[in-house]
PDB file of N, CA and C in Angstrom:
ATOM      1  N   MET A   1     107.103  96.929  84.584  1.00  0.00           N
ATOM      2  CA  MET A   1     105.953  96.967  85.465  1.00  0.00           C
ATOM      3  C   MET A   1     106.372  97.567  86.809  1.00  0.00           C
ATOM      4  N   LEU A   2     105.619  98.536  87.274  1.00  0.00           N
ATOM      5  CA  LEU A   2     105.933  99.170  88.541  1.00  0.00           C
ATOM      6  C   LEU A   2     105.443  98.317  89.701  1.00  0.00           C
ATOM      7  N   SER A   3     106.224  98.280  90.746  1.00  0.00           N
ATOM      8  CA  SER A   3     105.859  97.518  91.940  1.00  0.00           C
ATOM      9  C   SER A   3     105.076  98.408  92.899  1.00  0.00           C
ATOM     10  N   ASP A   4     104.435  97.774  93.869  1.00  0.00           N
ATOM     11  CA  ASP A   4     103.747  98.536  94.915  1.00  0.00           C
ATOM     12  C   ASP A   4     104.730  99.464  95.621  1.00  0.00           C
ATOM     13  N   LEU A   5     105.950  98.998  95.811  1.00  0.00           N
ATOM     14  CA  LEU A   5     106.972  99.791  96.485  1.00  0.00           C
ATOM     15  C   LEU A   5     107.304 101.050  95.695  1.00  0.00           C
ATOM     16  N   SER A   6     107.525 100.913  94.403  1.00  0.00           N
ATOM     17  CA  SER A   6     107.880 102.081  93.596  1.00  0.00           C
ATOM     18  C   SER A   6     106.728 103.079  93.532  1.00  0.00           C
ATOM     19  N   ILE A   7     105.508 102.576  93.435  1.00  0.00           N
ATOM     20  CA  ILE A   7     104.328 103.443  93.416  1.00  0.00           C
ATOM     21  C   ILE A   7     104.199 104.168  94.754  1.00  0.00           C
ATOM     22  N   PHE A   8     104.406 103.440  95.852  1.00  0.00           N
ATOM     23  CA  PHE A   8     104.313 104.030  97.185  1.00  0.00           C
ATOM     24  C   PHE A   8     105.332 105.154  97.362  1.00  0.00           C
ATOM     25  N   VAL A   9     106.591 104.887  97.032  1.00  0.00           N
ATOM     26  CA  VAL A   9     107.646 105.880  97.246  1.00  0.00           C
ATOM     27  C   VAL A   9     107.379 107.131  96.410  1.00  0.00           C
ATOM     28  N   LYS A  10     107.022 106.955  95.173  1.00  0.00           N
ATOM     29  CA  LYS A  10     106.766 108.113  94.312  1.00  0.00           C
ATOM     30  C   LYS A  10     105.585 108.928  94.830  1.00  0.00           C
ATOM     31  N   ALA A  11     104.519 108.247  95.248  1.00  0.00           N
ATOM     32  CA  ALA A  11     103.332 108.943  95.754  1.00  0.00           C
ATOM     33  C   ALA A  11     103.649 109.699  97.043  1.00  0.00           C
ATOM     34  N   LYS A  12     104.378 109.060  97.960  1.00  0.00           N
ATOM     35  CA  LYS A  12     104.718 109.717  99.226  1.00  0.00           C
ATOM     36  C   LYS A  12     105.648 110.906  98.989  1.00  0.00           C
ATOM     37  N   ARG A  13     106.594 110.736  98.072  1.00  0.00           N
ATOM     38  CA  ARG A  13     107.513 111.836  97.765  1.00  0.00           C
ATOM     39  C   ARG A  13     106.741 113.048  97.262  1.00  0.00           C
ATOM     40  N   LYS A  14     105.815 112.810  96.347  1.00  0.00           N
ATOM     41  CA  LYS A  14     105.023 113.914  95.799  1.00  0.00           C
ATOM     42  C   LYS A  14     104.082 114.507  96.847  1.00  0.00           C
ATOM     43  N   GLU A  15     103.542 113.646  97.702  1.00  0.00           N
ATOM     44  CA  GLU A  15     102.631 114.084  98.758  1.00  0.00           C
ATOM     45  C   GLU A  15     103.291 115.097  99.693  1.00  0.00           C
ATOM     46  N   VAL A  16     104.559 114.872  99.997  1.00  0.00           N
ATOM     47  CA  VAL A  16     105.273 115.795 100.894  1.00  0.00           C
ATOM     48  C   VAL A  16     106.014 116.893 100.140  1.00  0.00           C
ATOM     49  N   GLY A  17     105.890 116.907  98.823  1.00  0.00           N
ATOM     50  CA  GLY A  17     106.439 117.993  98.018  1.00  0.00           C
ATOM     51  C   GLY A  17     107.934 117.954  97.803  1.00  0.00           C
ATOM     52  N   LEU A  18     108.491 116.748  97.695  1.00  0.00           N
ATOM     53  CA  LEU A  18     109.928 116.612  97.461  1.00  0.00           C
ATOM     54  C   LEU A  18     110.209 116.257  96.008  1.00  0.00           C
ATOM     55  N   THR A  19     111.304 116.763  95.490  1.00  0.00           N
ATOM     56  CA  THR A  19     111.795 116.301  94.192  1.00  0.00           C
ATOM     57  C   THR A  19     112.589 115.023  94.440  1.00  0.00           C
ATOM     58  N   GLN A  20     112.929 114.334  93.368  1.00  0.00           N
ATOM     59  CA  GLN A  20     113.776 113.156  93.525  1.00  0.00           C
ATOM     60  C   GLN A  20     115.113 113.554  94.140  1.00  0.00           C
ATOM     61  N   TRP A  21     115.645 114.682  93.748  1.00  0.00           N
ATOM     62  CA  TRP A  21     116.902 115.171  94.297  1.00  0.00           C
ATOM     63  C   TRP A  21     116.763 115.417  95.808  1.00  0.00           C
ATOM     64  N   ASP A  22     115.687 116.103  96.210  1.00  0.00           N
ATOM     65  CA  ASP A  22     115.452 116.364  97.633  1.00  0.00           C
ATOM     66  C   ASP A  22     115.403 115.060  98.424  1.00  0.00           C
ATOM     67  N   LEU A  23     114.664 114.090  97.901  1.00  0.00           N
ATOM     68  CA  LEU A  23     114.528 112.807  98.585  1.00  0.00           C
ATOM     69  C   LEU A  23     115.880 112.117  98.724  1.00  0.00           C
ATOM     70  N   SER A  24     116.664 112.140  97.672  1.00  0.00           N
ATOM     71  CA  SER A  24     117.975 111.492  97.733  1.00  0.00           C
ATOM     72  C   SER A  24     118.853 112.149  98.792  1.00  0.00           C
ATOM     73  N   GLN A  25     118.802 113.466  98.889  1.00  0.00           N
ATOM     74  CA  GLN A  25     119.609 114.185  99.877  1.00  0.00           C
ATOM     75  C   GLN A  25     119.147 113.890 101.301  1.00  0.00           C
ATOM     76  N   LYS A  26     117.855 113.913 101.534  1.00  0.00           N
ATOM     77  CA  LYS A  26     117.313 113.654 102.873  1.00  0.00           C
ATOM     78  C   LYS A  26     117.565 112.223 103.329  1.00  0.00           C
ATOM     79  N   ALA A  27     117.521 111.273 102.393  1.00  0.00           N
ATOM     80  CA  ALA A  27     117.700 109.862 102.737  1.00  0.00           C
ATOM     81  C   ALA A  27     119.174 109.458 102.755  1.00  0.00           C
ATOM     82  N   GLY A  28     120.030 110.278 102.173  1.00  0.00           N
ATOM     83  CA  GLY A  28     121.448 109.939 102.117  1.00  0.00           C
ATOM     84  C   GLY A  28     121.755 108.856 101.097  1.00  0.00           C
ATOM     85  N   VAL A  29     121.012 108.889  99.992  1.00  0.00           N
ATOM     86  CA  VAL A  29     121.224 107.934  98.902  1.00  0.00           C
ATOM     87  C   VAL A  29     121.442 108.721  97.618  1.00  0.00           C
ATOM     88  N   GLY A  30     121.889 108.054  96.584  1.00  0.00           N
ATOM     89  CA  GLY A  30     122.131 108.719  95.315  1.00  0.00           C
ATOM     90  C   GLY A  30     120.849 108.998  94.544  1.00  0.00           C
ATOM     91  N   LEU A  31     120.898 110.035  93.738  1.00  0.00           N
ATOM     92  CA  LEU A  31     119.759 110.376  92.884  1.00  0.00           C
ATOM     93  C   LEU A  31     119.422 109.208  91.965  1.00  0.00           C
ATOM     94  N   ARG A  32     120.431 108.558  91.437  1.00  0.00           N
ATOM     95  CA  ARG A  32     120.210 107.405  90.552  1.00  0.00           C
ATOM     96  C   ARG A  32     119.430 106.306  91.283  1.00  0.00           C
ATOM     97  N   PHE A  33     119.738 106.099  92.570  1.00  0.00           N
ATOM     98  CA  PHE A  33     119.029 105.087  93.342  1.00  0.00           C
ATOM     99  C   PHE A  33     117.539 105.430  93.443  1.00  0.00           C
ATOM    100  N   VAL A  34     117.230 106.687  93.733  1.00  0.00           N
ATOM    101  CA  VAL A  34     115.824 107.105  93.837  1.00  0.00           C
ATOM    102  C   VAL A  34     115.118 106.892  92.503  1.00  0.00           C
ATOM    103  N   ARG A  35     115.770 107.248  91.423  1.00  0.00           N
ATOM    104  CA  ARG A  35     115.177 107.048  90.099  1.00  0.00           C
ATOM    105  C   ARG A  35     114.931 105.564  89.824  1.00  0.00           C
ATOM    106  N   ASP A  36     115.917 104.741  90.125  1.00  0.00           N
ATOM    107  CA  ASP A  36     115.760 103.294  89.926  1.00  0.00           C
ATOM    108  C   ASP A  36     114.621 102.741  90.784  1.00  0.00           C
ATOM    109  N   LEU A  37     114.550 103.190  92.030  1.00  0.00           N
ATOM    110  CA  LEU A  37     113.495 102.736  92.929  1.00  0.00           C
ATOM    111  C   LEU A  37     112.121 103.102  92.390  1.00  0.00           C
ATOM    112  N   GLU A  38     111.952 104.334  91.968  1.00  0.00           N
ATOM    113  CA  GLU A  38     110.658 104.788  91.462  1.00  0.00           C
ATOM    114  C   GLU A  38     110.308 104.172  90.107  1.00  0.00           C
ATOM    115  N   GLN A  39     111.300 103.702  89.381  1.00  0.00           N
ATOM    116  CA  GLN A  39     111.036 103.065  88.092  1.00  0.00           C
ATOM    117  C   GLN A  39     110.835 101.561  88.232  1.00  0.00           C
ATOM    118  N   GLY A  40     110.902 101.056  89.470  1.00  0.00           N
ATOM    119  CA  GLY A  40     110.604  99.654  89.722  1.00  0.00           C
ATOM    120  C   GLY A  40     111.742  98.695  89.451  1.00  0.00           C
ATOM    121  N   LYS A  41     112.977  99.165  89.523  1.00  0.00           N
ATOM    122  CA  LYS A  41     114.108  98.254  89.318  1.00  0.00           C
ATOM    123  C   LYS A  41     114.001  97.100  90.317  1.00  0.00           C
ATOM    124  N   ARG A  42     114.207  95.892  89.845  1.00  0.00           N
ATOM    125  CA  ARG A  42     113.967  94.702  90.654  1.00  0.00           C
ATOM    126  C   ARG A  42     115.132  94.322  91.562  1.00  0.00           C
ATOM    127  N   THR A  43     116.310  94.850  91.310  1.00  0.00           N
ATOM    128  CA  THR A  43     117.466  94.484  92.126  1.00  0.00           C
ATOM    129  C   THR A  43     118.026  95.725  92.813  1.00  0.00           C
ATOM    130  N   LEU A  44     117.552  95.977  94.013  1.00  0.00           N
ATOM    131  CA  LEU A  44     118.014  97.101  94.813  1.00  0.00           C
ATOM    132  C   LEU A  44     118.403  96.590  96.195  1.00  0.00           C
ATOM    133  N   ARG A  45     119.360  97.233  96.819  1.00  0.00           N
ATOM    134  CA  ARG A  45     119.782  96.834  98.166  1.00  0.00           C
ATOM    135  C   ARG A  45     118.696  97.181  99.176  1.00  0.00           C
ATOM    136  N   MET A  46     118.329  96.185  99.978  1.00  0.00           N
ATOM    137  CA  MET A  46     117.263  96.385 100.954  1.00  0.00           C
ATOM    138  C   MET A  46     117.634  97.451 101.986  1.00  0.00           C
ATOM    139  N   ASP A  47     118.880  97.486 102.420  1.00  0.00           N
ATOM    140  CA  ASP A  47     119.263  98.478 103.426  1.00  0.00           C
ATOM    141  C   ASP A  47     119.124  99.898 102.885  1.00  0.00           C
ATOM    142  N   THR A  48     119.393 100.070 101.608  1.00  0.00           N
ATOM    143  CA  THR A  48     119.278 101.395 101.003  1.00  0.00           C
ATOM    144  C   THR A  48     117.816 101.756 100.774  1.00  0.00           C
ATOM    145  N   VAL A  49     117.005 100.782 100.389  1.00  0.00           N
ATOM    146  CA  VAL A  49     115.555 101.025 100.269  1.00  0.00           C
ATOM    147  C   VAL A  49     115.017 101.471 101.624  1.00  0.00           C
ATOM    148  N   ASN A  50     115.455 100.823 102.696  1.00  0.00           N
ATOM    149  CA  ASN A  50     114.983 101.191 104.030  1.00  0.00           C
ATOM    150  C   ASN A  50     115.395 102.603 104.439  1.00  0.00           C
ATOM    151  N   LYS A  51     116.515 103.100 103.941  1.00  0.00           N
ATOM    152  CA  LYS A  51     116.901 104.489 104.217  1.00  0.00           C
ATOM    153  C   LYS A  51     115.849 105.450 103.662  1.00  0.00           C
ATOM    154  N   VAL A  52     115.347 105.142 102.478  1.00  0.00           N
ATOM    155  CA  VAL A  52     114.313 105.976 101.861  1.00  0.00           C
ATOM    156  C   VAL A  52     112.994 105.808 102.620  1.00  0.00           C
ATOM    157  N   LEU A  53     112.617 104.574 102.890  1.00  0.00           N
ATOM    158  CA  LEU A  53     111.347 104.313 103.555  1.00  0.00           C
ATOM    159  C   LEU A  53     111.283 104.904 104.961  1.00  0.00           C
ATOM    160  N   MET A  54     112.428 104.971 105.643  1.00  0.00           N
ATOM    161  CA  MET A  54     112.460 105.539 106.992  1.00  0.00           C
ATOM    162  C   MET A  54     111.910 106.958 107.028  1.00  0.00           C
ATOM    163  N   LEU A  55     112.118 107.713 105.965  1.00  0.00           N
ATOM    164  CA  LEU A  55     111.616 109.086 105.909  1.00  0.00           C
ATOM    165  C   LEU A  55     110.099 109.137 105.953  1.00  0.00           C
ATOM    166  N   PHE A  56     109.457 108.037 105.578  1.00  0.00           N
ATOM    167  CA  PHE A  56     107.996 107.975 105.557  1.00  0.00           C
ATOM    168  C   PHE A  56     107.452 107.087 106.679  1.00  0.00           C
ATOM    169  N   GLY A  57     108.309 106.764 107.645  1.00  0.00           N
ATOM    170  CA  GLY A  57     107.884 105.950 108.775  1.00  0.00           C
ATOM    171  C   GLY A  57     107.590 104.504 108.409  1.00  0.00           C
ATOM    172  N   GLN A  58     108.297 103.985 107.421  1.00  0.00           N
ATOM    173  CA  GLN A  58     108.058 102.629 106.927  1.00  0.00           C
ATOM    174  C   GLN A  58     109.371 101.857 106.870  1.00  0.00           C
ATOM    175  N   GLN A  59     109.267 100.538 106.711  1.00  0.00           N
ATOM    176  CA  GLN A  59     110.424  99.686 106.449  1.00  0.00           C
ATOM    177  C   GLN A  59     109.967  98.465 105.677  1.00  0.00           C
ATOM    178  N   LEU A  60     110.914  97.817 104.996  1.00  0.00           N
ATOM    179  CA  LEU A  60     110.614  96.588 104.276  1.00  0.00           C
ATOM    180  C   LEU A  60     110.328  95.478 105.273  1.00  0.00           C
ATOM    181  N   GLY A  61     109.464  94.578 104.882  1.00  0.00           N
ATOM    182  CA  GLY A  61     109.179  93.433 105.732  1.00  0.00           C
ATOM    183  C   GLY A  61     108.547  92.325 104.906  1.00  0.00           C
ATOM    184  N   PRO A  62     108.428  91.138 105.508  1.00  0.00           N
ATOM    185  CA  PRO A  62     107.826  90.012 104.781  1.00  0.00           C
ATOM    186  C   PRO A  62     106.332  90.239 104.571  1.00  0.00           C
ATOM    187  N   THR A  63     105.896  89.890 103.383  1.00  0.00           N
ATOM    188  CA  THR A  63     104.466  89.959 103.069  1.00  0.00           C
ATOM    189  C   THR A  63     104.078  88.654 102.380  1.00  0.00           C
ATOM    190  N   PRO A  64     102.849  88.221 102.590  1.00  0.00           N
ATOM    191  CA  PRO A  64     102.417  86.980 101.957  1.00  0.00           C
ATOM    192  C   PRO A  64     102.394  87.114 100.427  1.00  0.00           C
ATOM    193  N   MET A  65     102.777  86.043  99.768  1.00  0.00           N
ATOM    194  CA  MET A  65     102.725  86.012  98.303  1.00  0.00           C
ATOM    195  C   MET A  65     101.479  85.264  97.878  1.00  0.00           C
ATOM    196  N   PRO A  66     100.827  85.738  96.825  1.00  0.00           N
ATOM    197  CA  PRO A  66      99.681  84.992  96.310  1.00  0.00           C
ATOM    198  C   PRO A  66     100.153  83.642  95.750  1.00  0.00           C
ATOM    199  N   ARG A  67      99.383  82.633  96.009  1.00  0.00           N
ATOM    200  CA  ARG A  67      99.740  81.300  95.536  1.00  0.00           C
ATOM    201  C   ARG A  67      98.879  80.916  94.351  1.00  0.00           C
ATOM    202  N   ASP A  68      99.514  80.347  93.365  1.00  0.00           N
ATOM    203  CA  ASP A  68      98.781  79.820  92.212  1.00  0.00           C
ATOM    204  C   ASP A  68      98.498  78.354  92.491  1.00  0.00           C
ATOM    205  N   ASP A  69      97.249  78.039  92.800  1.00  0.00           N
ATOM    206  CA  ASP A  69      96.892  76.645  93.097  1.00  0.00           C
ATOM    207  C   ASP A  69      96.465  75.902  91.867  1.00  0.00           C
TER     208      ASP A  69
END
């Protein structure tokens, strides 16, 4: 299942016309990391995710979780 984060990164990358390789080079991360991020891998380093998000003027932060009452 893809996360909001993976959907966001893939959409923004395509919006600005970058390949996964281009994005990895601009962010200073590995191509494998970009692929894992876009495929929704659940265990990724937050600092490395933020390197990618910085290119789009974003960063990770706390968000409310839905509660099952």
